């Protein structure tokens, strides 16, 4: 059964092609081949300020450039989020994007956030690239940034299940290794996984 899939590219660098872009393209190719509908949000192309206060987050106007991103999130049945691990976490631009789009009344249910999950009915996959071995990040660092994103944002607003794919040692990856990763993402795209 065809699904509506939103790919969110959280890599902040548009100056060159990165592994996150290659993996997103592979996922998109697999999804398109299987007949899934696909939309993309590329955070680095969006113009928005960082939030500087709780009042601004709760009462400030959503930047016009993020309205399409919110509409695409509402449209999606499944979201696939791509970002590189920077200083042990998601890049600041991507975090700023999440803070902007996940506003009260859209992602959080106003004064009773635990009672209503406005984005329920959607699933997600988080794909993270990193220079360190993925096993080290998972075991020693306990994949803390992935757990935080999953628990404090995605599950909190009703998105579940949330699965993840961690890809380590990407700095000097050989072309055959990149090809293997791309094939895995292409297969996930076919299965909407």
C-alpha atoms as a PDB file:
ATOM      1  CA  UNK A   1       0.000   0.000   0.000  1.00  0.00           C
ATOM      2  CA  UNK A   2       1.412   3.371  -1.028  1.00  0.00           C
ATOM      3  CA  UNK A   3       2.269   5.845   1.732  1.00  0.00           C
ATOM      4  CA  UNK A   4       2.880   9.578   1.861  1.00  0.00           C
ATOM      5  CA  UNK A   5       6.528  10.056   2.830  1.00  0.00           C
ATOM      6  CA  UNK A   6       8.280  13.270   3.839  1.00  0.00           C
ATOM      7  CA  UNK A   7      12.074  13.339   3.662  1.00  0.00           C
ATOM      8  CA  UNK A   8      13.578  15.991   5.942  1.00  0.00           C
ATOM      9  CA  UNK A   9      17.197  16.745   5.073  1.00  0.00           C
ATOM     10  CA  UNK A  10      18.817  18.201   8.172  1.00  0.00           C
ATOM     11  CA  UNK A  11      22.356  18.588   6.827  1.00  0.00           C
ATOM     12  CA  UNK A  12      23.135  22.319   7.042  1.00  0.00           C
ATOM     13  CA  UNK A  13      25.683  22.423   4.191  1.00  0.00           C
ATOM     14  CA  UNK A  14      24.368  22.935   0.655  1.00  0.00           C
ATOM     15  CA  UNK A  15      27.799  23.774  -0.784  1.00  0.00           C
ATOM     16  CA  UNK A  16      28.652  20.178  -1.598  1.00  0.00           C
ATOM     17  CA  UNK A  17      27.034  16.774  -1.793  1.00  0.00           C
ATOM     18  CA  UNK A  18      27.305  14.875   1.488  1.00  0.00           C
ATOM     19  CA  UNK A  19      26.516  11.299   2.438  1.00  0.00           C
ATOM     20  CA  UNK A  20      23.221  12.457   3.986  1.00  0.00           C
ATOM     21  CA  UNK A  21      22.161  13.710   0.541  1.00  0.00           C
ATOM     22  CA  UNK A  22      23.214  10.465  -1.149  1.00  0.00           C
ATOM     23  CA  UNK A  23      21.280   8.412   1.401  1.00  0.00           C
ATOM     24  CA  UNK A  24      18.165  10.594   1.084  1.00  0.00           C
ATOM     25  CA  UNK A  25      18.279  10.232  -2.702  1.00  0.00           C
ATOM     26  CA  UNK A  26      18.615   6.447  -2.365  1.00  0.00           C
ATOM     27  CA  UNK A  27      15.629   6.307  -0.006  1.00  0.00           C
ATOM     28  CA  UNK A  28      13.635   8.512  -2.408  1.00  0.00           C
ATOM     29  CA  UNK A  29      14.500   6.273  -5.369  1.00  0.00           C
ATOM     30  CA  UNK A  30      13.330   3.179  -3.513  1.00  0.00           C
ATOM     31  CA  UNK A  31      10.143   4.882  -2.337  1.00  0.00           C
ATOM     32  CA  UNK A  32       9.312   6.185  -5.816  1.00  0.00           C
ATOM     33  CA  UNK A  33       9.943   2.757  -7.384  1.00  0.00           C
ATOM     34  CA  UNK A  34       7.454   1.244  -4.928  1.00  0.00           C
ATOM     35  CA  UNK A  35       4.791   3.838  -5.762  1.00  0.00           C
ATOM     36  CA  UNK A  36       4.954   5.878  -2.559  1.00  0.00           C
ATOM     37  CA  UNK A  37       4.194   9.612  -2.725  1.00  0.00           C
ATOM     38  CA  UNK A  38       7.175  11.728  -1.753  1.00  0.00           C
ATOM     39  CA  UNK A  39       7.876  15.274  -0.622  1.00  0.00           C
ATOM     40  CA  UNK A  40      11.128  16.809   0.585  1.00  0.00           C
ATOM     41  CA  UNK A  41      12.092  19.501   3.044  1.00  0.00           C
ATOM     42  CA  UNK A  42      15.698  20.709   2.907  1.00  0.00           C
ATOM     43  CA  UNK A  43      16.389  22.662   6.073  1.00  0.00           C
ATOM     44  CA  UNK A  44      19.489  24.412   4.676  1.00  0.00           C
ATOM     45  CA  UNK A  45      17.340  26.038   1.964  1.00  0.00           C
ATOM     46  CA  UNK A  46      14.906  27.573   4.462  1.00  0.00           C
ATOM     47  CA  UNK A  47      15.182  31.064   5.879  1.00  0.00           C
ATOM     48  CA  UNK A  48      14.248  31.330   9.541  1.00  0.00           C
ATOM     49  CA  UNK A  49      15.665  32.882  12.716  1.00  0.00           C
ATOM     50  CA  UNK A  50      16.562  30.961  15.835  1.00  0.00           C
ATOM     51  CA  UNK A  51      14.084  31.280  18.681  1.00  0.00           C
ATOM     52  CA  UNK A  52      15.410  33.220  21.656  1.00  0.00           C
ATOM     53  CA  UNK A  53      12.646  32.979  24.269  1.00  0.00           C
ATOM     54  CA  UNK A  54       9.807  30.800  25.436  1.00  0.00           C
ATOM     55  CA  UNK A  55       7.397  33.660  24.707  1.00  0.00           C
ATOM     56  CA  UNK A  56       8.597  33.794  21.098  1.00  0.00           C
ATOM     57  CA  UNK A  57       8.102  30.016  20.779  1.00  0.00           C
ATOM     58  CA  UNK A  58       4.625  30.102  22.287  1.00  0.00           C
ATOM     59  CA  UNK A  59       3.261  33.391  20.900  1.00  0.00           C
ATOM     60  CA  UNK A  60       5.520  34.446  18.029  1.00  0.00           C
ATOM     61  CA  UNK A  61       4.515  34.098  14.408  1.00  0.00           C
ATOM     62  CA  UNK A  62       5.837  31.143  12.454  1.00  0.00           C
ATOM     63  CA  UNK A  63       8.275  32.396   9.799  1.00  0.00           C
ATOM     64  CA  UNK A  64       6.528  32.350   6.406  1.00  0.00           C
ATOM     65  CA  UNK A  65       9.209  30.074   4.952  1.00  0.00           C
ATOM     66  CA  UNK A  66       8.279  27.277   7.373  1.00  0.00           C
ATOM     67  CA  UNK A  67       4.574  27.101   6.573  1.00  0.00           C
ATOM     68  CA  UNK A  68       5.182  24.641   3.738  1.00  0.00           C
ATOM     69  CA  UNK A  69       7.284  22.466   6.068  1.00  0.00           C
ATOM     70  CA  UNK A  70       4.443  22.322   8.593  1.00  0.00           C
ATOM     71  CA  UNK A  71       1.935  21.518   5.841  1.00  0.00           C
ATOM     72  CA  UNK A  72       4.186  18.724   4.590  1.00  0.00           C
ATOM     73  CA  UNK A  73       4.435  17.269   8.103  1.00  0.00           C
ATOM     74  CA  UNK A  74       0.625  17.244   8.348  1.00  0.00           C
ATOM     75  CA  UNK A  75       0.432  15.608   4.890  1.00  0.00           C
ATOM     76  CA  UNK A  76       2.956  12.864   5.697  1.00  0.00           C
ATOM     77  CA  UNK A  77       2.178   9.426   7.050  1.00  0.00           C
ATOM     78  CA  UNK A  78       5.876   8.599   7.456  1.00  0.00           C
ATOM     79  CA  UNK A  79       8.838  10.943   7.929  1.00  0.00           C
ATOM     80  CA  UNK A  80      12.490  10.169   7.304  1.00  0.00           C
ATOM     81  CA  UNK A  81      14.921  12.551   8.975  1.00  0.00           C
ATOM     82  CA  UNK A  82      18.565  12.766   7.860  1.00  0.00           C
ATOM     83  CA  UNK A  83      21.378  14.583   9.669  1.00  0.00           C
ATOM     84  CA  UNK A  84      25.079  14.238  10.485  1.00  0.00           C
ATOM     85  CA  UNK A  85      26.203  13.935  14.081  1.00  0.00           C
ATOM     86  CA  UNK A  86      28.039  17.149  14.978  1.00  0.00           C
ATOM     87  CA  UNK A  87      29.631  17.506  18.410  1.00  0.00           C
ATOM     88  CA  UNK A  88      27.584  14.536  19.573  1.00  0.00           C
ATOM     89  CA  UNK A  89      24.217  15.942  18.498  1.00  0.00           C
ATOM     90  CA  UNK A  90      22.177  17.211  15.569  1.00  0.00           C
ATOM     91  CA  UNK A  91      23.472  20.363  13.854  1.00  0.00           C
ATOM     92  CA  UNK A  92      22.213  23.622  15.378  1.00  0.00           C
ATOM     93  CA  UNK A  93      20.349  24.627  12.207  1.00  0.00           C
ATOM     94  CA  UNK A  94      18.324  21.428  12.280  1.00  0.00           C
ATOM     95  CA  UNK A  95      17.578  21.858  16.004  1.00  0.00           C
ATOM     96  CA  UNK A  96      16.464  25.425  15.259  1.00  0.00           C
ATOM     97  CA  UNK A  97      14.166  24.102  12.529  1.00  0.00           C
ATOM     98  CA  UNK A  98      12.558  21.641  14.942  1.00  0.00           C
ATOM     99  CA  UNK A  99      12.045  24.366  17.535  1.00  0.00           C
ATOM    100  CA  UNK A 100      10.362  26.588  14.956  1.00  0.00           C
ATOM    101  CA  UNK A 101       8.015  24.031  13.390  1.00  0.00           C
ATOM    102  CA  UNK A 102       7.102  22.186  16.613  1.00  0.00           C
ATOM    103  CA  UNK A 103       5.076  25.034  18.065  1.00  0.00           C
ATOM    104  CA  UNK A 104       2.211  24.863  20.566  1.00  0.00           C
ATOM    105  CA  UNK A 105      -1.035  24.399  18.684  1.00  0.00           C
ATOM    106  CA  UNK A 106       0.736  22.542  15.879  1.00  0.00           C
ATOM    107  CA  UNK A 107       2.916  19.848  17.436  1.00  0.00           C
ATOM    108  CA  UNK A 108       2.023  20.404  21.078  1.00  0.00           C
ATOM    109  CA  UNK A 109      -1.537  20.552  22.354  1.00  0.00           C
ATOM    110  CA  UNK A 110      -1.506  23.881  24.143  1.00  0.00           C
ATOM    111  CA  UNK A 111      -1.881  23.733  27.914  1.00  0.00           C
ATOM    112  CA  UNK A 112      -2.387  19.931  28.133  1.00  0.00           C
ATOM    113  CA  UNK A 113       0.458  18.450  26.055  1.00  0.00           C
ATOM    114  CA  UNK A 114       0.236  15.006  27.659  1.00  0.00           C
ATOM    115  CA  UNK A 115      -3.436  14.506  26.832  1.00  0.00           C
ATOM    116  CA  UNK A 116      -3.423  15.136  23.084  1.00  0.00           C
ATOM    117  CA  UNK A 117      -0.808  14.244  20.498  1.00  0.00           C
ATOM    118  CA  UNK A 118      -1.462  16.446  17.441  1.00  0.00           C
ATOM    119  CA  UNK A 119       0.895  14.510  15.140  1.00  0.00           C
ATOM    120  CA  UNK A 120      -0.295  11.019  16.111  1.00  0.00           C
ATOM    121  CA  UNK A 121      -0.762   8.550  13.290  1.00  0.00           C
ATOM    122  CA  UNK A 122       2.650   9.164  11.745  1.00  0.00           C
ATOM    123  CA  UNK A 123       5.790   7.049  11.931  1.00  0.00           C
ATOM    124  CA  UNK A 124       9.417   8.091  11.487  1.00  0.00           C
ATOM    125  CA  UNK A 125      12.911   6.884  10.741  1.00  0.00           C
ATOM    126  CA  UNK A 126      15.957   8.888  11.809  1.00  0.00           C
ATOM    127  CA  UNK A 127      19.109   8.375   9.718  1.00  0.00           C
ATOM    128  CA  UNK A 128      22.302   9.696  11.290  1.00  0.00           C
ATOM    129  CA  UNK A 129      25.805   9.709   9.829  1.00  0.00           C
ATOM    130  CA  UNK A 130      28.902  10.054  12.008  1.00  0.00           C
ATOM    131  CA  UNK A 131      32.671   9.872  11.961  1.00  0.00           C
ATOM    132  CA  UNK A 132      32.927   7.461  14.897  1.00  0.00           C
ATOM    133  CA  UNK A 133      31.897   3.809  14.754  1.00  0.00           C
ATOM    134  CA  UNK A 134      28.119   3.532  15.093  1.00  0.00           C
ATOM    135  CA  UNK A 135      28.546   0.736  17.645  1.00  0.00           C
ATOM    136  CA  UNK A 136      30.676   3.012  19.845  1.00  0.00           C
ATOM    137  CA  UNK A 137      28.028   5.735  19.640  1.00  0.00           C
ATOM    138  CA  UNK A 138      25.296   3.240  20.463  1.00  0.00           C
ATOM    139  CA  UNK A 139      27.049   1.493  23.362  1.00  0.00           C
ATOM    140  CA  UNK A 140      29.402   4.026  24.935  1.00  0.00           C
ATOM    141  CA  UNK A 141      27.483   7.235  24.254  1.00  0.00           C
ATOM    142  CA  UNK A 142      24.124   5.439  24.474  1.00  0.00           C
ATOM    143  CA  UNK A 143      22.972   7.181  21.267  1.00  0.00           C
ATOM    144  CA  UNK A 144      21.913  10.063  23.505  1.00  0.00           C
ATOM    145  CA  UNK A 145      20.963  12.557  20.788  1.00  0.00           C
ATOM    146  CA  UNK A 146      18.816   9.987  18.981  1.00  0.00           C
ATOM    147  CA  UNK A 147      17.097   9.056  22.241  1.00  0.00           C
ATOM    148  CA  UNK A 148      16.506  12.722  23.015  1.00  0.00           C
ATOM    149  CA  UNK A 149      14.991  13.426  19.581  1.00  0.00           C
ATOM    150  CA  UNK A 150      12.842  10.327  19.801  1.00  0.00           C
ATOM    151  CA  UNK A 151      11.624  10.766  23.396  1.00  0.00           C
ATOM    152  CA  UNK A 152      11.501  14.556  23.751  1.00  0.00           C
ATOM    153  CA  UNK A 153      10.181  15.512  20.337  1.00  0.00           C
ATOM    154  CA  UNK A 154       8.843  12.746  18.099  1.00  0.00           C
ATOM    155  CA  UNK A 155       7.115  10.485  20.642  1.00  0.00           C
ATOM    156  CA  UNK A 156       6.016  13.496  22.685  1.00  0.00           C
ATOM    157  CA  UNK A 157       3.974  14.828  19.755  1.00  0.00           C
ATOM    158  CA  UNK A 158       2.577  11.394  18.886  1.00  0.00           C
ATOM    159  CA  UNK A 159       4.902  10.171  16.145  1.00  0.00           C
ATOM    160  CA  UNK A 160       5.460   6.445  16.555  1.00  0.00           C
ATOM    161  CA  UNK A 161       6.986   4.069  15.931  1.00  0.00           C
ATOM    162  CA  UNK A 162      10.325   5.808  15.547  1.00  0.00           C
ATOM    163  CA  UNK A 163      13.160   3.717  14.146  1.00  0.00           C
ATOM    164  CA  UNK A 164      16.733   4.744  13.481  1.00  0.00           C
ATOM    165  CA  UNK A 165      19.650   3.934  11.230  1.00  0.00           C
ATOM    166  CA  UNK A 166      23.128   4.860  12.451  1.00  0.00           C
ATOM    167  CA  UNK A 167      25.942   4.958   9.899  1.00  0.00           C
ATOM    168  CA  UNK A 168      29.432   5.319  11.320  1.00  0.00           C
ATOM    169  CA  UNK A 169      32.970   5.774  10.053  1.00  0.00           C
ATOM    170  CA  UNK A 170      31.808   7.897   7.131  1.00  0.00           C
ATOM    171  CA  UNK A 171      34.833  10.209   6.916  1.00  0.00           C
ATOM    172  CA  UNK A 172      36.929   8.050   4.615  1.00  0.00           C
ATOM    173  CA  UNK A 173      34.322   5.575   3.460  1.00  0.00           C
ATOM    174  CA  UNK A 174      35.215   3.667   0.311  1.00  0.00           C
ATOM    175  CA  UNK A 175      32.822   3.938  -2.655  1.00  0.00           C
ATOM    176  CA  UNK A 176      31.723   0.309  -2.237  1.00  0.00           C
ATOM    177  CA  UNK A 177      30.734   1.005   1.391  1.00  0.00           C
ATOM    178  CA  UNK A 178      28.741   4.092   0.349  1.00  0.00           C
ATOM    179  CA  UNK A 179      27.051   1.958  -2.295  1.00  0.00           C
ATOM    180  CA  UNK A 180      26.127  -0.656   0.335  1.00  0.00           C
ATOM    181  CA  UNK A 181      24.605   2.018   2.582  1.00  0.00           C
ATOM    182  CA  UNK A 182      22.691   3.504  -0.353  1.00  0.00           C
ATOM    183  CA  UNK A 183      21.274   0.090  -1.266  1.00  0.00           C
ATOM    184  CA  UNK A 184      20.088  -0.410   2.324  1.00  0.00           C
ATOM    185  CA  UNK A 185      18.362   2.981   2.281  1.00  0.00           C
ATOM    186  CA  UNK A 186      16.840   2.254  -1.109  1.00  0.00           C
ATOM    187  CA  UNK A 187      15.374  -0.956   0.299  1.00  0.00           C
ATOM    188  CA  UNK A 188      14.003   0.933   3.322  1.00  0.00           C
ATOM    189  CA  UNK A 189      12.411   3.404   0.895  1.00  0.00           C
ATOM    190  CA  UNK A 190      10.717   0.596  -1.011  1.00  0.00           C
ATOM    191  CA  UNK A 191       9.311  -0.801   2.234  1.00  0.00           C
ATOM    192  CA  UNK A 192       8.532   2.631   3.695  1.00  0.00           C
ATOM    193  CA  UNK A 193      10.599   1.550   6.656  1.00  0.00           C
END
